[in-house]
């Protein structure tokens, strides 16, 4: 299985669009591109899920703002999580 992401909610906070969802990886993936559904991503927040504390936090491998169709993240292999992106 490759890195995948999905948008689960689209809403508006004030004058910004906010989309959030999930991402999943395989045992060998160390990140990938999240398609936020935004034209421009000004901020993105990542939260890993699991049954134990993670040794490394996921990071954004971009200089924001960036095109919202491909926000690259880097993480340890086999880590899934949630994301929330803000932009327009």
Protein backbone atom coordinates (compact mmCIF):
# COMPACT_ATOMS: atom_id res chain seq x y z
CA UNK A 1 0.00 0.00 0.00
CA UNK A 2 1.33 3.45 -0.86
CA UNK A 3 0.92 6.76 0.96
CA UNK A 4 -2.69 7.95 0.69
CA UNK A 5 -4.66 10.87 2.06
CA UNK A 6 -8.34 11.74 2.17
CA UNK A 7 -10.36 14.87 2.88
CA UNK A 8 -13.07 14.17 5.45
CA UNK A 9 -14.37 17.70 6.23
CA UNK A 10 -14.47 21.04 4.39
CA UNK A 11 -15.55 24.16 6.29
CA UNK A 12 -14.86 27.88 6.69
CA UNK A 13 -13.32 29.58 9.75
CA UNK A 14 -13.83 33.35 9.39
CA UNK A 15 -12.36 34.28 6.01
CA UNK A 16 -10.26 31.08 5.59
CA UNK A 17 -11.15 27.69 4.19
CA UNK A 18 -10.26 24.77 6.45
CA UNK A 19 -10.05 21.20 5.21
CA UNK A 20 -9.07 18.22 7.26
CA UNK A 21 -8.72 14.50 6.89
CA UNK A 22 -6.54 11.45 7.30
CA UNK A 23 -3.37 9.96 5.85
CA UNK A 24 -2.12 6.38 5.84
CA UNK A 25 1.16 4.73 4.95
CA UNK A 26 2.63 1.31 4.41
CA UNK A 27 5.44 -0.27 6.39
CA UNK A 28 8.02 1.25 4.03
CA UNK A 29 6.55 4.71 3.27
CA UNK A 30 8.21 7.64 4.97
CA UNK A 31 5.81 10.32 3.76
CA UNK A 32 4.11 11.60 0.67
CA UNK A 33 1.91 14.37 -0.73
CA UNK A 34 -1.35 15.41 0.91
CA UNK A 35 -3.90 16.88 -1.49
CA UNK A 36 -5.68 19.36 0.80
CA UNK A 37 -8.24 20.43 -1.79
CA UNK A 38 -7.21 24.07 -1.26
CA UNK A 39 -5.85 26.31 -4.01
CA UNK A 40 -3.19 27.56 -1.59
CA UNK A 41 -2.22 26.02 1.75
CA UNK A 42 -1.07 28.63 4.29
CA UNK A 43 -0.81 26.29 7.31
CA UNK A 44 -1.08 22.56 7.94
CA UNK A 45 -1.12 20.65 11.20
CA UNK A 46 -0.27 16.94 11.51
CA UNK A 47 -1.16 14.48 14.27
CA UNK A 48 0.00 10.87 14.19
CA UNK A 49 -2.26 8.13 15.53
CA UNK A 50 -1.42 4.79 17.07
CA UNK A 51 -1.31 2.72 20.22
CA UNK A 52 2.08 3.94 21.44
CA UNK A 53 4.08 7.14 21.69
CA UNK A 54 5.90 7.98 18.46
CA UNK A 55 9.64 8.56 18.48
CA UNK A 56 9.54 11.14 15.66
CA UNK A 57 6.91 13.72 14.80
CA UNK A 58 5.80 14.15 11.18
CA UNK A 59 7.12 17.28 9.46
CA UNK A 60 6.11 19.43 6.51
CA UNK A 61 8.74 19.43 3.76
CA UNK A 62 7.54 22.70 2.18
CA UNK A 63 7.85 26.45 2.47
CA UNK A 64 4.35 27.79 3.09
CA UNK A 65 2.22 29.02 1.43
CA UNK A 66 2.26 26.27 -1.17
CA UNK A 67 -0.10 24.82 -3.78
CA UNK A 68 -2.69 22.90 -1.78
CA UNK A 69 -2.76 19.96 -4.19
CA UNK A 70 0.60 18.57 -3.07
CA UNK A 71 1.78 19.34 0.47
CA UNK A 72 4.73 17.02 1.11
CA UNK A 73 5.16 15.50 4.56
CA UNK A 74 7.98 13.34 5.93
CA UNK A 75 7.57 10.87 8.80
CA UNK A 76 8.68 7.51 10.11
CA UNK A 77 7.52 4.45 8.20
CA UNK A 78 4.17 2.86 9.03
CA UNK A 79 2.69 5.96 10.68
CA UNK A 80 -0.88 7.08 10.05
CA UNK A 81 -2.57 10.25 11.21
CA UNK A 82 -4.81 13.25 10.83
CA UNK A 83 -4.15 16.57 9.11
CA UNK A 84 -5.83 20.00 9.10
CA UNK A 85 -4.99 22.60 6.44
CA UNK A 86 -5.88 26.30 6.34
CA UNK A 87 -5.85 28.48 3.24
CA UNK A 88 -8.08 29.50 0.36
